[in-house]
Amino acid sequence: MAIVSAQVAADRWAAAAGSAGTRYAEGVAATDIDVVGRAIASQSALLQNFTNAVQSGLWARRLGNVGTQGWKSAVAAKGAANYATGVNAAKTKFQQKIAAVLTYEAGLQSQIQSMPSGSPAANDARMLAWSNGMRQGKASGAFG
């Protein structure tokens, strides 16, 4: 059997994407493997492999192979559309997460509004109270 050209291989690969996407989604839905648990359990390997890639120069070489112009071209070709698709798919999840943030911020805002204002020192104290409050909220898990 003859080896096909790169063009034919790419055309066939792209033409199969629709059915491959469906099969991928079906496979994910049918799995009984705890993939997240496995990913968490292998975090030390992830860290070691990434460290190896950085220290060996592989990471930098691969980034250099694409370059800034390659990144810009990929965004122009498909990134913007993929971004909008992802945002639309995640809208409900975003709404749930941002609700917790906004609720926390409303409470923090009412505390800060009761603080003195009008002088540079008072305004700095309010700004720091906001910054520290947001940091504490994140650390405490208030944002979900």
N, C-alpha and C. Protein backbone atom coordinates (compact mmCIF):
# COMPACT_ATOMS: atom_id res chain seq x y z
N MET A 1 0.84 -1.17 0.00
CA MET A 1 0.00 0.00 0.00
C MET A 1 0.89 1.24 0.00
N ALA A 2 0.53 2.19 -0.81
CA ALA A 2 1.31 3.41 -0.92
C ALA A 2 1.05 4.32 0.27
N ILE A 3 2.07 5.04 0.64
CA ILE A 3 1.93 6.04 1.70
C ILE A 3 1.29 7.27 1.08
N VAL A 4 0.24 7.79 1.75
CA VAL A 4 -0.45 8.96 1.22
C VAL A 4 0.38 10.21 1.47
N SER A 5 0.04 11.25 0.75
CA SER A 5 0.75 12.53 0.93
C SER A 5 0.29 13.18 2.24
N ALA A 6 1.07 14.13 2.66
CA ALA A 6 0.70 14.88 3.86
C ALA A 6 -0.64 15.59 3.65
N GLN A 7 -0.89 16.09 2.45
CA GLN A 7 -2.16 16.77 2.15
C GLN A 7 -3.33 15.81 2.30
N VAL A 8 -3.21 14.61 1.75
CA VAL A 8 -4.28 13.62 1.85
C VAL A 8 -4.49 13.22 3.32
N ALA A 9 -3.41 13.00 4.03
CA ALA A 9 -3.53 12.63 5.45
C ALA A 9 -4.23 13.74 6.23
N ALA A 10 -3.87 14.99 5.98
CA ALA A 10 -4.48 16.12 6.69
C ALA A 10 -5.95 16.25 6.31
N ASP A 11 -6.27 16.08 5.04
CA ASP A 11 -7.66 16.16 4.59
C ASP A 11 -8.52 15.08 5.26
N ARG A 12 -8.00 13.86 5.31
CA ARG A 12 -8.73 12.76 5.93
C ARG A 12 -8.91 13.00 7.43
N TRP A 13 -7.86 13.49 8.06
CA TRP A 13 -7.92 13.77 9.50
C TRP A 13 -9.00 14.82 9.79
N ALA A 14 -9.00 15.90 9.01
CA ALA A 14 -9.98 16.96 9.21
C ALA A 14 -11.40 16.47 8.91
N ALA A 15 -11.56 15.66 7.86
CA ALA A 15 -12.88 15.16 7.49
C ALA A 15 -13.46 14.24 8.57
N ALA A 16 -12.62 13.55 9.29
CA ALA A 16 -13.09 12.62 10.32
C ALA A 16 -13.36 13.31 11.67
N ALA A 17 -13.07 14.59 11.77
CA ALA A 17 -13.17 15.27 13.06
C ALA A 17 -14.59 15.26 13.63
N GLY A 18 -15.59 15.42 12.79
CA GLY A 18 -16.97 15.44 13.29
C GLY A 18 -17.36 14.15 13.98
N SER A 19 -17.13 13.03 13.32
CA SER A 19 -17.48 11.75 13.94
C SER A 19 -16.53 11.42 15.08
N ALA A 20 -15.28 11.83 14.97
CA ALA A 20 -14.32 11.59 16.05
C ALA A 20 -14.74 12.35 17.31
N GLY A 21 -15.22 13.56 17.15
CA GLY A 21 -15.70 14.34 18.29
C GLY A 21 -16.86 13.67 18.98
N THR A 22 -17.76 13.11 18.20
CA THR A 22 -18.89 12.39 18.77
C THR A 22 -18.42 11.16 19.52
N ARG A 23 -17.50 10.41 18.91
CA ARG A 23 -16.98 9.20 19.58
C ARG A 23 -16.22 9.57 20.85
N TYR A 24 -15.50 10.66 20.82
CA TYR A 24 -14.79 11.14 22.01
C TYR A 24 -15.78 11.44 23.14
N ALA A 25 -16.84 12.19 22.84
CA ALA A 25 -17.84 12.52 23.86
C ALA A 25 -18.52 11.27 24.39
N GLU A 26 -18.80 10.31 23.52
CA GLU A 26 -19.42 9.05 23.96
C GLU A 26 -18.48 8.28 24.89
N GLY A 27 -17.21 8.25 24.55
CA GLY A 27 -16.23 7.56 25.38
C GLY A 27 -16.09 8.20 26.76
N VAL A 28 -16.09 9.52 26.80
CA VAL A 28 -16.01 10.21 28.08
C VAL A 28 -17.25 9.91 28.92
N ALA A 29 -18.41 9.96 28.30
CA ALA A 29 -19.65 9.70 29.03
C ALA A 29 -19.71 8.27 29.57
N ALA A 30 -19.12 7.34 28.87
CA ALA A 30 -19.20 5.94 29.25
C ALA A 30 -18.10 5.48 30.20
N THR A 31 -17.11 6.31 30.48
CA THR A 31 -16.00 5.84 31.30
C THR A 31 -16.41 5.64 32.75
N ASP A 32 -15.82 4.64 33.37
CA ASP A 32 -16.04 4.41 34.79
C ASP A 32 -14.75 4.61 35.57
N ILE A 33 -13.79 5.27 34.94
CA ILE A 33 -12.49 5.54 35.55
C ILE A 33 -12.54 6.93 36.20
N ASP A 34 -11.99 7.05 37.39
CA ASP A 34 -11.90 8.35 38.06
C ASP A 34 -10.69 9.09 37.51
N VAL A 35 -10.88 9.76 36.38
CA VAL A 35 -9.76 10.42 35.72
C VAL A 35 -9.20 11.58 36.55
N VAL A 36 -10.06 12.28 37.25
CA VAL A 36 -9.58 13.38 38.08
C VAL A 36 -8.77 12.84 39.25
N GLY A 37 -9.26 11.79 39.87
CA GLY A 37 -8.51 11.16 40.96
C GLY A 37 -7.15 10.68 40.50
N ARG A 38 -7.11 10.10 39.32
CA ARG A 38 -5.82 9.64 38.78
C ARG A 38 -4.89 10.82 38.49
N ALA A 39 -5.46 11.90 37.98
CA ALA A 39 -4.64 13.08 37.70
C ALA A 39 -4.06 13.65 38.99
N ILE A 40 -4.88 13.73 40.01
CA ILE A 40 -4.40 14.24 41.30
C ILE A 40 -3.33 13.32 41.87
N ALA A 41 -3.54 12.02 41.75
CA ALA A 41 -2.57 11.05 42.29
C ALA A 41 -1.23 11.12 41.56
N SER A 42 -1.23 11.61 40.33
CA SER A 42 0.01 11.63 39.56
C SER A 42 0.63 13.03 39.50
N GLN A 43 0.26 13.90 40.42
CA GLN A 43 0.79 15.27 40.35
C GLN A 43 2.30 15.34 40.53
N SER A 44 2.88 14.42 41.28
CA SER A 44 4.34 14.46 41.42
C SER A 44 5.01 14.13 40.09
N ALA A 45 4.43 13.22 39.33
CA ALA A 45 4.97 12.90 38.00
C ALA A 45 4.80 14.10 37.07
N LEU A 46 3.69 14.78 37.15
CA LEU A 46 3.46 15.97 36.34
C LEU A 46 4.54 17.01 36.63
N LEU A 47 4.77 17.26 37.89
CA LEU A 47 5.77 18.25 38.28
C LEU A 47 7.17 17.84 37.82
N GLN A 48 7.50 16.57 37.99
CA GLN A 48 8.82 16.09 37.57
C GLN A 48 8.98 16.18 36.06
N ASN A 49 7.95 15.79 35.31
CA ASN A 49 8.02 15.83 33.85
C ASN A 49 8.13 17.27 33.35
N PHE A 50 7.38 18.17 33.97
CA PHE A 50 7.48 19.57 33.56
C PHE A 50 8.86 20.14 33.89
N THR A 51 9.33 19.83 35.08
CA THR A 51 10.66 20.29 35.48
C THR A 51 11.72 19.77 34.51
N ASN A 52 11.61 18.50 34.15
CA ASN A 52 12.56 17.92 33.18
C ASN A 52 12.48 18.64 31.84
N ALA A 53 11.27 18.94 31.40
CA ALA A 53 11.10 19.62 30.11
C ALA A 53 11.72 21.01 30.15
N VAL A 54 11.56 21.71 31.26
CA VAL A 54 12.16 23.05 31.38
C VAL A 54 13.68 22.94 31.46
N GLN A 55 14.17 22.07 32.31
CA GLN A 55 15.61 21.98 32.52
C GLN A 55 16.35 21.45 31.30
N SER A 56 15.70 20.61 30.51
CA SER A 56 16.35 20.07 29.31
C SER A 56 16.34 21.04 28.14
N GLY A 57 15.52 22.07 28.24
CA GLY A 57 15.39 23.02 27.15
C GLY A 57 14.26 22.69 26.19
N LEU A 58 13.60 21.55 26.37
CA LEU A 58 12.51 21.14 25.48
C LEU A 58 11.38 22.18 25.48
N TRP A 59 10.98 22.60 26.65
CA TRP A 59 9.89 23.56 26.77
C TRP A 59 10.20 24.83 25.98
N ALA A 60 11.39 25.38 26.17
CA ALA A 60 11.78 26.61 25.46
C ALA A 60 11.86 26.37 23.95
N ARG A 61 12.41 25.21 23.55
CA ARG A 61 12.50 24.91 22.10
C ARG A 61 11.12 24.84 21.47
N ARG A 62 10.21 24.16 22.12
CA ARG A 62 8.86 24.03 21.55
C ARG A 62 8.16 25.38 21.46
N LEU A 63 8.31 26.20 22.49
CA LEU A 63 7.75 27.55 22.42
C LEU A 63 8.40 28.33 21.29
N GLY A 64 9.71 28.23 21.18
CA GLY A 64 10.43 28.92 20.13
C GLY A 64 10.03 28.46 18.74
N ASN A 65 9.71 27.17 18.61
CA ASN A 65 9.29 26.64 17.31
C ASN A 65 7.99 27.29 16.84
N VAL A 66 7.11 27.60 17.76
CA VAL A 66 5.84 28.25 17.40
C VAL A 66 6.05 29.75 17.28
N GLY A 67 6.68 30.35 18.26
CA GLY A 67 6.96 31.78 18.24
C GLY A 67 5.72 32.63 18.45
N THR A 68 5.97 33.88 18.68
CA THR A 68 4.86 34.82 18.91
C THR A 68 3.98 34.93 17.67
N GLN A 69 4.57 34.96 16.49
CA GLN A 69 3.75 35.08 15.28
C GLN A 69 2.91 33.82 15.07
N GLY A 70 3.44 32.66 15.39
CA GLY A 70 2.66 31.43 15.29
C GLY A 70 1.47 31.43 16.23
N TRP A 71 1.70 31.93 17.43
CA TRP A 71 0.62 32.04 18.40
C TRP A 71 -0.45 33.01 17.88
N LYS A 72 0.00 34.16 17.37
CA LYS A 72 -0.96 35.14 16.85
C LYS A 72 -1.75 34.57 15.68
N SER A 73 -1.08 33.83 14.81
CA SER A 73 -1.76 33.22 13.66
C SER A 73 -2.81 32.21 14.10
N ALA A 74 -2.46 31.40 15.11
CA ALA A 74 -3.41 30.40 15.61
C ALA A 74 -4.62 31.06 16.25
N VAL A 75 -4.40 32.14 16.98
CA VAL A 75 -5.53 32.86 17.57
C VAL A 75 -6.41 33.43 16.46
N ALA A 76 -5.80 34.01 15.44
CA ALA A 76 -6.57 34.58 14.34
C ALA A 76 -7.35 33.50 13.60
N ALA A 77 -6.76 32.33 13.43
CA ALA A 77 -7.40 31.27 12.66
C ALA A 77 -8.52 30.56 13.42
N LYS A 78 -8.33 30.34 14.73
CA LYS A 78 -9.33 29.57 15.44
C LYS A 78 -9.54 29.96 16.89
N GLY A 79 -8.59 30.66 17.47
CA GLY A 79 -8.65 30.96 18.89
C GLY A 79 -9.84 31.80 19.29
N ALA A 80 -10.15 32.84 18.51
CA ALA A 80 -11.25 33.72 18.87
C ALA A 80 -12.58 32.97 18.86
N ALA A 81 -12.80 32.15 17.85
CA ALA A 81 -14.05 31.38 17.78
C ALA A 81 -14.12 30.36 18.91
N ASN A 82 -12.99 29.70 19.19
CA ASN A 82 -12.97 28.73 20.29
C ASN A 82 -13.21 29.41 21.63
N TYR A 83 -12.68 30.61 21.79
CA TYR A 83 -12.88 31.36 23.03
C TYR A 83 -14.37 31.62 23.26
N ALA A 84 -15.04 32.14 22.23
CA ALA A 84 -16.47 32.44 22.35
C ALA A 84 -17.27 31.17 22.60
N THR A 85 -16.92 30.09 21.94
CA THR A 85 -17.61 28.81 22.16
C THR A 85 -17.45 28.35 23.59
N GLY A 86 -16.23 28.44 24.11
CA GLY A 86 -15.98 28.03 25.49
C GLY A 86 -16.71 28.89 26.50
N VAL A 87 -16.74 30.19 26.27
CA VAL A 87 -17.44 31.09 27.18
C VAL A 87 -18.93 30.75 27.18
N ASN A 88 -19.51 30.57 26.03
CA ASN A 88 -20.94 30.24 25.97
C ASN A 88 -21.23 28.90 26.64
N ALA A 89 -20.35 27.94 26.48
CA ALA A 89 -20.56 26.63 27.10
C ALA A 89 -20.44 26.70 28.62
N ALA A 90 -19.66 27.64 29.12
CA ALA A 90 -19.40 27.74 30.57
C ALA A 90 -20.24 28.80 31.26
N LYS A 91 -21.18 29.41 30.57
CA LYS A 91 -21.94 30.53 31.14
C LYS A 91 -22.64 30.16 32.44
N THR A 92 -23.29 29.03 32.51
CA THR A 92 -24.00 28.64 33.73
C THR A 92 -23.03 28.42 34.88
N LYS A 93 -21.92 27.76 34.60
CA LYS A 93 -20.91 27.53 35.63
C LYS A 93 -20.33 28.86 36.11
N PHE A 94 -20.06 29.76 35.18
CA PHE A 94 -19.55 31.08 35.54
C PHE A 94 -20.55 31.80 36.44
N GLN A 95 -21.82 31.74 36.08
CA GLN A 95 -22.85 32.42 36.86
C GLN A 95 -22.87 31.90 38.30
N GLN A 96 -22.75 30.59 38.46
CA GLN A 96 -22.74 30.01 39.81
C GLN A 96 -21.51 30.47 40.59
N LYS A 97 -20.36 30.47 39.97
CA LYS A 97 -19.12 30.85 40.65
C LYS A 97 -19.09 32.35 40.96
N ILE A 98 -19.50 33.17 40.00
CA ILE A 98 -19.44 34.62 40.22
C ILE A 98 -20.45 35.04 41.27
N ALA A 99 -21.55 34.31 41.42
CA ALA A 99 -22.53 34.65 42.46
C ALA A 99 -21.89 34.62 43.84
N ALA A 100 -21.03 33.62 44.10
CA ALA A 100 -20.35 33.54 45.39
C ALA A 100 -19.39 34.71 45.57
N VAL A 101 -18.68 35.06 44.51
CA VAL A 101 -17.74 36.19 44.58
C VAL A 101 -18.50 37.49 44.84
N LEU A 102 -19.56 37.72 44.11
CA LEU A 102 -20.32 38.97 44.26
C LEU A 102 -20.98 39.07 45.63
N THR A 103 -21.46 37.97 46.16
CA THR A 103 -22.04 37.97 47.50
C THR A 103 -20.98 38.34 48.53
N TYR A 104 -19.80 37.75 48.40
CA TYR A 104 -18.69 38.06 49.31
C TYR A 104 -18.31 39.52 49.19
N GLU A 105 -18.19 40.00 47.95
CA GLU A 105 -17.82 41.40 47.73
C GLU A 105 -18.83 42.36 48.33
N ALA A 106 -20.11 42.02 48.24
CA ALA A 106 -21.14 42.90 48.81
C ALA A 106 -20.96 43.03 50.32
N GLY A 107 -20.65 41.93 51.00
CA GLY A 107 -20.39 42.00 52.44
C GLY A 107 -19.15 42.79 52.76
N LEU A 108 -18.11 42.59 51.99
CA LEU A 108 -16.87 43.32 52.20
C LEU A 108 -17.07 44.81 51.93
N GLN A 109 -17.82 45.11 50.90
CA GLN A 109 -18.08 46.50 50.56
C GLN A 109 -18.82 47.22 51.69
N SER A 110 -19.78 46.55 52.31
CA SER A 110 -20.51 47.20 53.40
C SER A 110 -19.59 47.47 54.59
N GLN A 111 -18.63 46.58 54.84
CA GLN A 111 -17.66 46.82 55.91
C GLN A 111 -16.79 48.04 55.58
N ILE A 112 -16.34 48.13 54.37
CA ILE A 112 -15.45 49.21 53.96
C ILE A 112 -16.19 50.55 53.94
N GLN A 113 -17.45 50.52 53.57
CA GLN A 113 -18.21 51.78 53.54
C GLN A 113 -18.38 52.37 54.94
N SER A 114 -18.26 51.54 55.97
CA SER A 114 -18.38 52.05 57.34
C SER A 114 -17.06 52.60 57.86
N MET A 115 -15.99 52.44 57.10
CA MET A 115 -14.68 52.93 57.51
C MET A 115 -14.55 54.42 57.19
N PRO A 116 -13.70 55.14 57.95
CA PRO A 116 -13.47 56.56 57.64
C PRO A 116 -12.92 56.73 56.22
N SER A 117 -13.22 57.88 55.63
CA SER A 117 -12.73 58.18 54.28
C SER A 117 -12.41 59.66 54.19
N GLY A 118 -11.81 60.04 53.09
CA GLY A 118 -11.57 61.45 52.83
C GLY A 118 -10.13 61.88 52.91
N SER A 119 -9.31 61.19 53.66
CA SER A 119 -7.90 61.54 53.72
C SER A 119 -7.10 60.46 52.99
N PRO A 120 -5.90 60.79 52.56
CA PRO A 120 -5.09 59.76 51.91
C PRO A 120 -4.89 58.53 52.79
N ALA A 121 -4.65 58.72 54.07
CA ALA A 121 -4.44 57.57 54.96
C ALA A 121 -5.70 56.73 55.09
N ALA A 122 -6.86 57.40 55.22
CA ALA A 122 -8.13 56.66 55.33
C ALA A 122 -8.42 55.91 54.03
N ASN A 123 -8.16 56.56 52.91
CA ASN A 123 -8.40 55.91 51.62
C ASN A 123 -7.46 54.73 51.42
N ASP A 124 -6.22 54.88 51.85
CA ASP A 124 -5.28 53.76 51.78
C ASP A 124 -5.76 52.60 52.65
N ALA A 125 -6.26 52.92 53.83
CA ALA A 125 -6.76 51.87 54.73
C ALA A 125 -7.93 51.14 54.10
N ARG A 126 -8.82 51.85 53.43
CA ARG A 126 -9.97 51.23 52.76
C ARG A 126 -9.49 50.33 51.61
N MET A 127 -8.53 50.84 50.86
CA MET A 127 -7.99 50.05 49.74
C MET A 127 -7.34 48.77 50.25
N LEU A 128 -6.56 48.90 51.33
CA LEU A 128 -5.91 47.71 51.89
C LEU A 128 -6.92 46.75 52.50
N ALA A 129 -7.98 47.29 53.09
CA ALA A 129 -9.03 46.43 53.64
C ALA A 129 -9.68 45.62 52.52
N TRP A 130 -9.91 46.24 51.38
CA TRP A 130 -10.49 45.52 50.24
C TRP A 130 -9.54 44.42 49.76
N SER A 131 -8.29 44.80 49.54
CA SER A 131 -7.30 43.85 49.04
C SER A 131 -7.13 42.68 50.01
N ASN A 132 -6.97 42.99 51.29
CA ASN A 132 -6.80 41.92 52.29
C ASN A 132 -8.06 41.08 52.42
N GLY A 133 -9.21 41.73 52.37
CA GLY A 133 -10.48 41.00 52.45
C GLY A 133 -10.66 40.03 51.30
N MET A 134 -10.31 40.46 50.10
CA MET A 134 -10.43 39.58 48.93
C MET A 134 -9.44 38.41 49.03
N ARG A 135 -8.24 38.70 49.49
CA ARG A 135 -7.25 37.63 49.67
C ARG A 135 -7.73 36.62 50.71
N GLN A 136 -8.28 37.12 51.81
CA GLN A 136 -8.79 36.24 52.85
C GLN A 136 -9.98 35.43 52.36
N GLY A 137 -10.82 36.06 51.58
CA GLY A 137 -11.98 35.34 51.02
C GLY A 137 -11.54 34.19 50.13
N LYS A 138 -10.56 34.44 49.30
CA LYS A 138 -10.04 33.38 48.43
C LYS A 138 -9.42 32.26 49.25
N ALA A 139 -8.59 32.65 50.24
CA ALA A 139 -7.90 31.64 51.06
C ALA A 139 -8.88 30.80 51.88
N SER A 140 -9.98 31.41 52.28
CA SER A 140 -10.94 30.69 53.13
C SER A 140 -11.91 29.83 52.32
N GLY A 141 -11.88 29.96 50.99
CA GLY A 141 -12.78 29.18 50.16
C GLY A 141 -14.15 29.83 49.98
N ALA A 142 -14.26 31.10 50.32
CA ALA A 142 -15.55 31.79 50.21
C ALA A 142 -16.05 31.88 48.78
N PHE A 143 -15.16 31.74 47.82
CA PHE A 143 -15.55 31.87 46.42
C PHE A 143 -15.93 30.52 45.80
N GLY A 144 -15.96 29.50 46.59
CA GLY A 144 -16.38 28.19 46.09
C GLY A 144 -15.27 27.34 45.56
